[in-house]
Amino acid sequence: MKKNIKNGKTIQVGNGSVKKESYGTQFLKQHAMACRGDKSIYIRPEYHERIVRIVHVIGDDKIPLYAYLDNIIKHHFDQFEKAITKDFNEKFKPIF
């Protein structure tokens, strides 16, 4: 059984104990997306350097950068979906 908590995920272990996932387990995992697509994004050079180091060291260079970023963005949307929807709906005004 999995359940979300504020700073990560907890996993129900067979003996009844609860184990928190590590950062690497949560964000540095393979991705179902077949390729990176044709979209480009620009990020600060210092962020790029950090991301490359994280993927290289924690992720053992086993996942591409786009998969790591996609996992981070998914987590962000999961965490803030209600707040984003609320703010969006407050600002979005139908044309008719």
PDB file of N, CA and C in Angstrom:
ATOM      1  N   MET A   1       0.846  -1.179   0.000  1.00  0.00           N
ATOM      2  CA  MET A   1       0.000   0.000   0.000  1.00  0.00           C
ATOM      3  C   MET A   1       0.884   1.231   0.000  1.00  0.00           C
ATOM      4  N   LYS A   2       0.624   2.172  -0.912  1.00  0.00           N
ATOM      5  CA  LYS A   2       1.388   3.414  -0.960  1.00  0.00           C
ATOM      6  C   LYS A   2       0.487   4.558  -0.545  1.00  0.00           C
ATOM      7  N   LYS A   3       1.051   5.536   0.150  1.00  0.00           N
ATOM      8  CA  LYS A   3       0.302   6.750   0.429  1.00  0.00           C
ATOM      9  C   LYS A   3       1.263   7.917   0.409  1.00  0.00           C
ATOM     10  N   ASN A   4       0.804   9.064  -0.067  1.00  0.00           N
ATOM     11  CA  ASN A   4       1.644  10.240  -0.153  1.00  0.00           C
ATOM     12  C   ASN A   4       1.726  10.929   1.201  1.00  0.00           C
ATOM     13  N   ILE A   5       2.897  11.456   1.508  1.00  0.00           N
ATOM     14  CA  ILE A   5       3.069  12.351   2.627  1.00  0.00           C
ATOM     15  C   ILE A   5       3.768  13.587   2.112  1.00  0.00           C
ATOM     16  N   LYS A   6       3.908  14.618   2.923  1.00  0.00           N
ATOM     17  CA  LYS A   6       4.398  15.908   2.453  1.00  0.00           C
ATOM     18  C   LYS A   6       5.746  15.838   1.745  1.00  0.00           C
ATOM     19  N   ASN A   7       6.732  15.160   2.294  1.00  0.00           N
ATOM     20  CA  ASN A   7       8.076  15.181   1.741  1.00  0.00           C
ATOM     21  C   ASN A   7       8.458  13.917   0.998  1.00  0.00           C
ATOM     22  N   GLY A   8       7.552  13.166   0.527  1.00  0.00           N
ATOM     23  CA  GLY A   8       7.877  11.949  -0.197  1.00  0.00           C
ATOM     24  C   GLY A   8       6.755  10.954  -0.101  1.00  0.00           C
ATOM     25  N   LYS A   9       7.092   9.717  -0.299  1.00  0.00           N
ATOM     26  CA  LYS A   9       6.094   8.666  -0.246  1.00  0.00           C
ATOM     27  C   LYS A   9       6.472   7.689   0.844  1.00  0.00           C
ATOM     28  N   THR A  10       5.455   7.083   1.416  1.00  0.00           N
ATOM     29  CA  THR A  10       5.711   5.992   2.347  1.00  0.00           C
ATOM     30  C   THR A  10       5.172   4.728   1.725  1.00  0.00           C
ATOM     31  N   ILE A  11       5.832   3.638   2.027  1.00  0.00           N
ATOM     32  CA  ILE A  11       5.437   2.351   1.479  1.00  0.00           C
ATOM     33  C   ILE A  11       5.165   1.404   2.633  1.00  0.00           C
ATOM     34  N   GLN A  12       4.011   0.746   2.596  1.00  0.00           N
ATOM     35  CA  GLN A  12       3.686  -0.267   3.604  1.00  0.00           C
ATOM     36  C   GLN A  12       4.507  -1.508   3.300  1.00  0.00           C
ATOM     37  N   VAL A  13       5.356  -1.897   4.238  1.00  0.00           N
ATOM     38  CA  VAL A  13       6.220  -3.059   4.062  1.00  0.00           C
ATOM     39  C   VAL A  13       5.491  -4.282   4.591  1.00  0.00           C
ATOM     40  N   GLY A  14       5.846  -5.462   4.089  1.00  0.00           N
ATOM     41  CA  GLY A  14       5.167  -6.703   4.435  1.00  0.00           C
ATOM     42  C   GLY A  14       5.022  -6.956   5.923  1.00  0.00           C
ATOM     43  N   ASN A  15       5.987  -6.549   6.730  1.00  0.00           N
ATOM     44  CA  ASN A  15       5.900  -6.813   8.165  1.00  0.00           C
ATOM     45  C   ASN A  15       5.076  -5.767   8.910  1.00  0.00           C
ATOM     46  N   GLY A  16       4.414  -4.870   8.199  1.00  0.00           N
ATOM     47  CA  GLY A  16       3.556  -3.865   8.818  1.00  0.00           C
ATOM     48  C   GLY A  16       4.248  -2.542   9.083  1.00  0.00           C
ATOM     49  N   SER A  17       5.567  -2.493   8.907  1.00  0.00           N
ATOM     50  CA  SER A  17       6.263  -1.230   9.135  1.00  0.00           C
ATOM     51  C   SER A  17       6.123  -0.333   7.912  1.00  0.00           C
ATOM     52  N   VAL A  18       6.416   0.932   8.100  1.00  0.00           N
ATOM     53  CA  VAL A  18       6.312   1.904   7.018  1.00  0.00           C
ATOM     54  C   VAL A  18       7.712   2.398   6.693  1.00  0.00           C
ATOM     55  N   LYS A  19       8.036   2.416   5.402  1.00  0.00           N
ATOM     56  CA  LYS A  19       9.355   2.826   4.939  1.00  0.00           C
ATOM     57  C   LYS A  19       9.197   4.026   4.011  1.00  0.00           C
ATOM     58  N   LYS A  20       9.965   5.075   4.250  1.00  0.00           N
ATOM     59  CA  LYS A  20       9.928   6.249   3.385  1.00  0.00           C
ATOM     60  C   LYS A  20      10.851   6.042   2.201  1.00  0.00           C
ATOM     61  N   GLU A  21      10.368   6.367   0.997  1.00  0.00           N
ATOM     62  CA  GLU A  21      11.199   6.258  -0.197  1.00  0.00           C
ATOM     63  C   GLU A  21      12.310   7.285  -0.154  1.00  0.00           C
ATOM     64  N   SER A  22      13.452   6.928  -0.697  1.00  0.00           N
ATOM     65  CA  SER A  22      14.546   7.885  -0.809  1.00  0.00           C
ATOM     66  C   SER A  22      14.265   8.839  -1.971  1.00  0.00           C
ATOM     67  N   TYR A  23      15.008   9.927  -2.003  1.00  0.00           N
ATOM     68  CA  TYR A  23      14.873  10.885  -3.098  1.00  0.00           C
ATOM     69  C   TYR A  23      15.119  10.194  -4.434  1.00  0.00           C
ATOM     70  N   GLY A  24      16.181   9.407  -4.492  1.00  0.00           N
ATOM     71  CA  GLY A  24      16.513   8.714  -5.734  1.00  0.00           C
ATOM     72  C   GLY A  24      15.429   7.771  -6.189  1.00  0.00           C
ATOM     73  N   THR A  25      14.849   7.033  -5.249  1.00  0.00           N
ATOM     74  CA  THR A  25      13.773   6.105  -5.587  1.00  0.00           C
ATOM     75  C   THR A  25      12.558   6.840  -6.133  1.00  0.00           C
ATOM     76  N   GLN A  26      12.291   8.003  -5.572  1.00  0.00           N
ATOM     77  CA  GLN A  26      11.107   8.752  -5.973  1.00  0.00           C
ATOM     78  C   GLN A  26      11.283   9.480  -7.303  1.00  0.00           C
ATOM     79  N   PHE A  27      12.450  10.088  -7.532  1.00  0.00           N
ATOM     80  CA  PHE A  27      12.608  10.941  -8.700  1.00  0.00           C
ATOM     81  C   PHE A  27      13.544  10.400  -9.776  1.00  0.00           C
ATOM     82  N   LEU A  28      14.467   9.531  -9.421  1.00  0.00           N
ATOM     83  CA  LEU A  28      15.442   9.038 -10.392  1.00  0.00           C
ATOM     84  C   LEU A  28      15.086   7.630 -10.823  1.00  0.00           C
ATOM     85  N   LYS A  29      13.954   7.540 -11.505  1.00  0.00           N
ATOM     86  CA  LYS A  29      13.488   6.246 -11.990  1.00  0.00           C
ATOM     87  C   LYS A  29      13.207   6.343 -13.481  1.00  0.00           C
ATOM     88  N   GLN A  30      13.238   5.200 -14.131  1.00  0.00           N
ATOM     89  CA  GLN A  30      12.987   5.166 -15.571  1.00  0.00           C
ATOM     90  C   GLN A  30      11.608   5.720 -15.872  1.00  0.00           C
ATOM     91  N   HIS A  31      11.447   6.091 -17.089  1.00  0.00           N
ATOM     92  CA  HIS A  31      10.234   6.779 -17.502  1.00  0.00           C
ATOM     93  C   HIS A  31       9.598   6.066 -18.678  1.00  0.00           C
ATOM     94  N   ALA A  32       8.286   6.128 -18.750  1.00  0.00           N
ATOM     95  CA  ALA A  32       7.554   5.461 -19.828  1.00  0.00           C
ATOM     96  C   ALA A  32       7.650   6.212 -21.150  1.00  0.00           C
ATOM     97  N   MET A  33       8.019   7.484 -21.109  1.00  0.00           N
ATOM     98  CA  MET A  33       8.108   8.282 -22.322  1.00  0.00           C
ATOM     99  C   MET A  33       9.207   7.709 -23.213  1.00  0.00           C
ATOM    100  N   ALA A  34       8.879   7.408 -24.455  1.00  0.00           N
ATOM    101  CA  ALA A  34       9.816   6.733 -25.349  1.00  0.00           C
ATOM    102  C   ALA A  34      10.991   7.616 -25.751  1.00  0.00           C
ATOM    103  N   CYS A  35      10.729   8.899 -25.969  1.00  0.00           N
ATOM    104  CA  CYS A  35      11.814   9.794 -26.354  1.00  0.00           C
ATOM    105  C   CYS A  35      11.525  11.178 -25.796  1.00  0.00           C
ATOM    106  N   ARG A  36      12.466  12.057 -25.956  1.00  0.00           N
ATOM    107  CA  ARG A  36      12.313  13.367 -25.338  1.00  0.00           C
ATOM    108  C   ARG A  36      11.407  14.312 -26.120  1.00  0.00           C
ATOM    109  N   GLY A  37      11.009  13.944 -27.311  1.00  0.00           N
ATOM    110  CA  GLY A  37      10.124  14.792 -28.099  1.00  0.00           C
ATOM    111  C   GLY A  37      10.875  15.919 -28.782  1.00  0.00           C
ATOM    112  N   ASP A  38      10.118  16.892 -29.264  1.00  0.00           N
ATOM    113  CA  ASP A  38      10.742  17.978 -30.027  1.00  0.00           C
ATOM    114  C   ASP A  38      10.645  19.312 -29.308  1.00  0.00           C
ATOM    115  N   LYS A  39      10.434  19.309 -28.017  1.00  0.00           N
ATOM    116  CA  LYS A  39      10.307  20.536 -27.249  1.00  0.00           C
ATOM    117  C   LYS A  39      11.630  20.864 -26.568  1.00  0.00           C
ATOM    118  N   SER A  40      11.939  22.148 -26.502  1.00  0.00           N
ATOM    119  CA  SER A  40      13.138  22.604 -25.804  1.00  0.00           C
ATOM    120  C   SER A  40      12.730  23.508 -24.663  1.00  0.00           C
ATOM    121  N   ILE A  41      13.487  23.437 -23.584  1.00  0.00           N
ATOM    122  CA  ILE A  41      13.290  24.363 -22.475  1.00  0.00           C
ATOM    123  C   ILE A  41      14.649  24.934 -22.114  1.00  0.00           C
ATOM    124  N   TYR A  42      14.641  26.091 -21.528  1.00  0.00           N
ATOM    125  CA  TYR A  42      15.875  26.728 -21.115  1.00  0.00           C
ATOM    126  C   TYR A  42      15.858  26.870 -19.601  1.00  0.00           C
ATOM    127  N   ILE A  43      16.964  26.495 -18.975  1.00  0.00           N
ATOM    128  CA  ILE A  43      17.088  26.616 -17.538  1.00  0.00           C
ATOM    129  C   ILE A  43      18.415  27.302 -17.220  1.00  0.00           C
ATOM    130  N   ARG A  44      18.506  27.811 -16.014  1.00  0.00           N
ATOM    131  CA  ARG A  44      19.735  28.474 -15.591  1.00  0.00           C
ATOM    132  C   ARG A  44      20.910  27.497 -15.663  1.00  0.00           C
ATOM    133  N   PRO A  45      22.062  27.995 -16.083  1.00  0.00           N
ATOM    134  CA  PRO A  45      23.240  27.108 -16.174  1.00  0.00           C
ATOM    135  C   PRO A  45      23.569  26.411 -14.851  1.00  0.00           C
ATOM    136  N   GLU A  46      23.421  27.119 -13.735  1.00  0.00           N
ATOM    137  CA  GLU A  46      23.734  26.482 -12.448  1.00  0.00           C
ATOM    138  C   GLU A  46      22.736  25.378 -12.113  1.00  0.00           C
ATOM    139  N   TYR A  47      21.473  25.513 -12.542  1.00  0.00           N
ATOM    140  CA  TYR A  47      20.499  24.437 -12.333  1.00  0.00           C
ATOM    141  C   TYR A  47      20.843  23.234 -13.206  1.00  0.00           C
ATOM    142  N   HIS A  48      21.238  23.508 -14.426  1.00  0.00           N
ATOM    143  CA  HIS A  48      21.620  22.421 -15.333  1.00  0.00           C
ATOM    144  C   HIS A  48      22.794  21.640 -14.747  1.00  0.00           C
ATOM    145  N   GLU A  49      23.774  22.349 -14.232  1.00  0.00           N
ATOM    146  CA  GLU A  49      24.930  21.683 -13.626  1.00  0.00           C
ATOM    147  C   GLU A  49      24.500  20.805 -12.451  1.00  0.00           C
ATOM    148  N   ARG A  50      23.620  21.323 -11.599  1.00  0.00           N
ATOM    149  CA  ARG A  50      23.132  20.539 -10.460  1.00  0.00           C
ATOM    150  C   ARG A  50      22.369  19.297 -10.912  1.00  0.00           C
ATOM    151  N   ILE A  51      21.497  19.490 -11.889  1.00  0.00           N
ATOM    152  CA  ILE A  51      20.682  18.382 -12.390  1.00  0.00           C
ATOM    153  C   ILE A  51      21.568  17.284 -12.970  1.00  0.00           C
ATOM    154  N   VAL A  52      22.550  17.681 -13.764  1.00  0.00           N
ATOM    155  CA  VAL A  52      23.466  16.706 -14.346  1.00  0.00           C
ATOM    156  C   VAL A  52      24.195  15.938 -13.247  1.00  0.00           C
ATOM    157  N   ARG A  53      24.642  16.627 -12.213  1.00  0.00           N
ATOM    158  CA  ARG A  53      25.359  15.967 -11.118  1.00  0.00           C
ATOM    159  C   ARG A  53      24.441  15.018 -10.353  1.00  0.00           C
ATOM    160  N   ILE A  54      23.196  15.440 -10.107  1.00  0.00           N
ATOM    161  CA  ILE A  54      22.238  14.577  -9.396  1.00  0.00           C
ATOM    162  C   ILE A  54      21.994  13.296 -10.180  1.00  0.00           C
ATOM    163  N   VAL A  55      21.713  13.436 -11.471  1.00  0.00           N
ATOM    164  CA  VAL A  55      21.446  12.261 -12.309  1.00  0.00           C
ATOM    165  C   VAL A  55      22.688  11.372 -12.384  1.00  0.00           C
ATOM    166  N   HIS A  56      23.849  11.995 -12.487  1.00  0.00           N
ATOM    167  CA  HIS A  56      25.089  11.223 -12.586  1.00  0.00           C
ATOM    168  C   HIS A  56      25.400  10.478 -11.287  1.00  0.00           C
ATOM    169  N   VAL A  57      25.335  11.162 -10.154  1.00  0.00           N
ATOM    170  CA  VAL A  57      25.752  10.562  -8.890  1.00  0.00           C
ATOM    171  C   VAL A  57      24.654   9.708  -8.268  1.00  0.00           C
ATOM    172  N   ILE A  58      23.504  10.308  -7.983  1.00  0.00           N
ATOM    173  CA  ILE A  58      22.428   9.562  -7.313  1.00  0.00           C
ATOM    174  C   ILE A  58      21.781   8.562  -8.265  1.00  0.00           C
ATOM    175  N   GLY A  59      21.608   8.980  -9.511  1.00  0.00           N
ATOM    176  CA  GLY A  59      20.942   8.116 -10.490  1.00  0.00           C
ATOM    177  C   GLY A  59      21.865   7.179 -11.232  1.00  0.00           C
ATOM    178  N   ASP A  60      23.155   7.199 -10.901  1.00  0.00           N
ATOM    179  CA  ASP A  60      24.136   6.326 -11.555  1.00  0.00           C
ATOM    180  C   ASP A  60      24.126   6.443 -13.079  1.00  0.00           C
ATOM    181  N   ASP A  61      23.785   7.614 -13.581  1.00  0.00           N
ATOM    182  CA  ASP A  61      23.721   7.854 -15.034  1.00  0.00           C
ATOM    183  C   ASP A  61      22.811   6.873 -15.757  1.00  0.00           C
ATOM    184  N   LYS A  62      21.775   6.385 -15.079  1.00  0.00           N
ATOM    185  CA  LYS A  62      20.900   5.367 -15.677  1.00  0.00           C
ATOM    186  C   LYS A  62      19.619   5.938 -16.267  1.00  0.00           C
ATOM    187  N   ILE A  63      19.327   7.205 -16.030  1.00  0.00           N
ATOM    188  CA  ILE A  63      18.136   7.798 -16.635  1.00  0.00           C
ATOM    189  C   ILE A  63      18.524   9.094 -17.338  1.00  0.00           C
ATOM    190  N   PRO A  64      17.801   9.459 -18.374  1.00  0.00           N
ATOM    191  CA  PRO A  64      18.096  10.719 -19.064  1.00  0.00           C
ATOM    192  C   PRO A  64      17.560  11.914 -18.262  1.00  0.00           C
ATOM    193  N   LEU A  65      18.107  13.074 -18.544  1.00  0.00           N
ATOM    194  CA  LEU A  65      17.685  14.290 -17.845  1.00  0.00           C
ATOM    195  C   LEU A  65      16.193  14.545 -17.993  1.00  0.00           C
ATOM    196  N   TYR A  66      15.651  14.320 -19.193  1.00  0.00           N
ATOM    197  CA  TYR A  66      14.234  14.614 -19.399  1.00  0.00           C
ATOM    198  C   TYR A  66      13.351  13.752 -18.509  1.00  0.00           C
ATOM    199  N   ALA A  67      13.756  12.531 -18.220  1.00  0.00           N
ATOM    200  CA  ALA A  67      12.954  11.668 -17.349  1.00  0.00           C
ATOM    201  C   ALA A  67      12.975  12.196 -15.918  1.00  0.00           C
ATOM    202  N   TYR A  68      14.146  12.628 -15.444  1.00  0.00           N
ATOM    203  CA  TYR A  68      14.264  13.197 -14.107  1.00  0.00           C
ATOM    204  C   TYR A  68      13.398  14.449 -13.991  1.00  0.00           C
ATOM    205  N   LEU A  69      13.495  15.342 -14.967  1.00  0.00           N
ATOM    206  CA  LEU A  69      12.695  16.574 -14.940  1.00  0.00           C
ATOM    207  C   LEU A  69      11.204  16.265 -15.011  1.00  0.00           C
ATOM    208  N   ASP A  70      10.828  15.287 -15.816  1.00  0.00           N
ATOM    209  CA  ASP A  70       9.429  14.910 -15.916  1.00  0.00           C
ATOM    210  C   ASP A  70       8.909  14.386 -14.573  1.00  0.00           C
ATOM    211  N   ASN A  71       9.723  13.609 -13.863  1.00  0.00           N
ATOM    212  CA  ASN A  71       9.327  13.109 -12.544  1.00  0.00           C
ATOM    213  C   ASN A  71       9.153  14.245 -11.544  1.00  0.00           C
ATOM    214  N   ILE A  72      10.031  15.242 -11.606  1.00  0.00           N
ATOM    215  CA  ILE A  72       9.918  16.396 -10.719  1.00  0.00           C
ATOM    216  C   ILE A  72       8.642  17.178 -11.029  1.00  0.00           C
ATOM    217  N   ILE A  73       8.371  17.407 -12.295  1.00  0.00           N
ATOM    218  CA  ILE A  73       7.177  18.169 -12.686  1.00  0.00           C
ATOM    219  C   ILE A  73       5.911  17.411 -12.303  1.00  0.00           C
ATOM    220  N   LYS A  74       5.901  16.098 -12.511  1.00  0.00           N
ATOM    221  CA  LYS A  74       4.741  15.295 -12.103  1.00  0.00           C
ATOM    222  C   LYS A  74       4.494  15.441 -10.607  1.00  0.00           C
ATOM    223  N   HIS A  75       5.548  15.347  -9.816  1.00  0.00           N
ATOM    224  CA  HIS A  75       5.424  15.502  -8.362  1.00  0.00           C
ATOM    225  C   HIS A  75       4.863  16.887  -8.016  1.00  0.00           C
ATOM    226  N   HIS A  76       5.369  17.913  -8.679  1.00  0.00           N
ATOM    227  CA  HIS A  76       4.887  19.284  -8.454  1.00  0.00           C
ATOM    228  C   HIS A  76       3.387  19.384  -8.749  1.00  0.00           C
ATOM    229  N   PHE A  77       2.959  18.862  -9.890  1.00  0.00           N
ATOM    230  CA  PHE A  77       1.540  18.903 -10.233  1.00  0.00           C
ATOM    231  C   PHE A  77       0.702  18.095  -9.247  1.00  0.00           C
ATOM    232  N   ASP A  78       1.194  16.932  -8.823  1.00  0.00           N
ATOM    233  CA  ASP A  78       0.476  16.130  -7.833  1.00  0.00           C
ATOM    234  C   ASP A  78       0.311  16.908  -6.526  1.00  0.00           C
ATOM    235  N   GLN A  79       1.375  17.591  -6.095  1.00  0.00           N
ATOM    236  CA  GLN A  79       1.352  18.309  -4.824  1.00  0.00           C
ATOM    237  C   GLN A  79       0.481  19.563  -4.879  1.00  0.00           C
ATOM    238  N   PHE A  80       0.477  20.253  -6.003  1.00  0.00           N
ATOM    239  CA  PHE A  80      -0.159  21.566  -6.088  1.00  0.00           C
ATOM    240  C   PHE A  80      -1.362  21.623  -7.026  1.00  0.00           C
ATOM    241  N   GLU A  81      -1.896  20.475  -7.404  1.00  0.00           N
ATOM    242  CA  GLU A  81      -3.011  20.443  -8.355  1.00  0.00           C
ATOM    243  C   GLU A  81      -4.184  21.326  -7.910  1.00  0.00           C
ATOM    244  N   LYS A  82      -4.603  21.182  -6.682  1.00  0.00           N
ATOM    245  CA  LYS A  82      -5.758  21.961  -6.198  1.00  0.00           C
ATOM    246  C   LYS A  82      -5.466  23.460  -6.200  1.00  0.00           C
ATOM    247  N   ALA A  83      -4.294  23.863  -5.740  1.00  0.00           N
ATOM    248  CA  ALA A  83      -3.941  25.282  -5.704  1.00  0.00           C
ATOM    249  C   ALA A  83      -3.834  25.854  -7.118  1.00  0.00           C
ATOM    250  N   ILE A  84      -3.235  25.096  -8.025  1.00  0.00           N
ATOM    251  CA  ILE A  84      -3.113  25.552  -9.413  1.00  0.00           C
ATOM    252  C   ILE A  84      -4.498  25.700 -10.031  1.00  0.00           C
ATOM    253  N   THR A  85      -5.342  24.697  -9.839  1.00  0.00           N
ATOM    254  CA  THR A  85      -6.703  24.739 -10.392  1.00  0.00           C
ATOM    255  C   THR A  85      -7.482  25.919  -9.834  1.00  0.00           C
ATOM    256  N   LYS A  86      -7.384  26.148  -8.537  1.00  0.00           N
ATOM    257  CA  LYS A  86      -8.087  27.264  -7.891  1.00  0.00           C
ATOM    258  C   LYS A  86      -7.632  28.596  -8.478  1.00  0.00           C
ATOM    259  N   ASP A  87      -6.315  28.827  -8.533  1.00  0.00           N
ATOM    260  CA  ASP A  87      -5.797  30.083  -9.090  1.00  0.00           C
ATOM    261  C   ASP A  87      -6.151  30.242 -10.559  1.00  0.00           C
ATOM    262  N   PHE A  88      -6.060  29.152 -11.314  1.00  0.00           N
ATOM    263  CA  PHE A  88      -6.390  29.202 -12.736  1.00  0.00           C
ATOM    264  C   PHE A  88      -7.858  29.592 -12.930  1.00  0.00           C
ATOM    265  N   ASN A  89      -8.743  28.930 -12.191  1.00  0.00           N
ATOM    266  CA  ASN A  89     -10.173  29.203 -12.336  1.00  0.00           C
ATOM    267  C   ASN A  89     -10.545  30.604 -11.883  1.00  0.00           C
ATOM    268  N   GLU A  90      -9.816  31.160 -10.915  1.00  0.00           N
ATOM    269  CA  GLU A  90     -10.079  32.535 -10.483  1.00  0.00           C
ATOM    270  C   GLU A  90      -9.684  33.543 -11.560  1.00  0.00           C
ATOM    271  N   LYS A  91      -8.649  33.252 -12.329  1.00  0.00           N
ATOM    272  CA  LYS A  91      -8.169  34.186 -13.340  1.00  0.00           C
ATOM    273  C   LYS A  91      -8.770  33.958 -14.716  1.00  0.00           C
ATOM    274  N   PHE A  92      -9.210  32.735 -14.991  1.00  0.00           N
ATOM    275  CA  PHE A  92      -9.773  32.402 -16.297  1.00  0.00           C
ATOM    276  C   PHE A  92     -11.205  32.889 -16.363  1.00  0.00           C
ATOM    277  N   LYS A  93     -11.483  33.732 -17.304  1.00  0.00           N
ATOM    278  CA  LYS A  93     -12.834  34.242 -17.514  1.00  0.00           C
ATOM    279  C   LYS A  93     -13.301  33.846 -18.910  1.00  0.00           C
ATOM    280  N   PRO A  94     -14.399  33.096 -18.976  1.00  0.00           N
ATOM    281  CA  PRO A  94     -14.906  32.701 -20.312  1.00  0.00           C
ATOM    282  C   PRO A  94     -15.190  33.922 -21.175  1.00  0.00           C
ATOM    283  N   ILE A  95     -15.027  33.771 -22.459  1.00  0.00           N
ATOM    284  CA  ILE A  95     -15.260  34.885 -23.376  1.00  0.00           C
ATOM    285  C   ILE A  95     -16.751  35.192 -23.537  1.00  0.00           C
ATOM    286  N   PHE A  96     -17.607  34.178 -23.355  1.00  0.00           N
ATOM    287  CA  PHE A  96     -19.065  34.392 -23.446  1.00  0.00           C
ATOM    288  C   PHE A  96     -19.724  33.951 -22.168  1.00  0.00           C
TER     289      PHE A  96
END
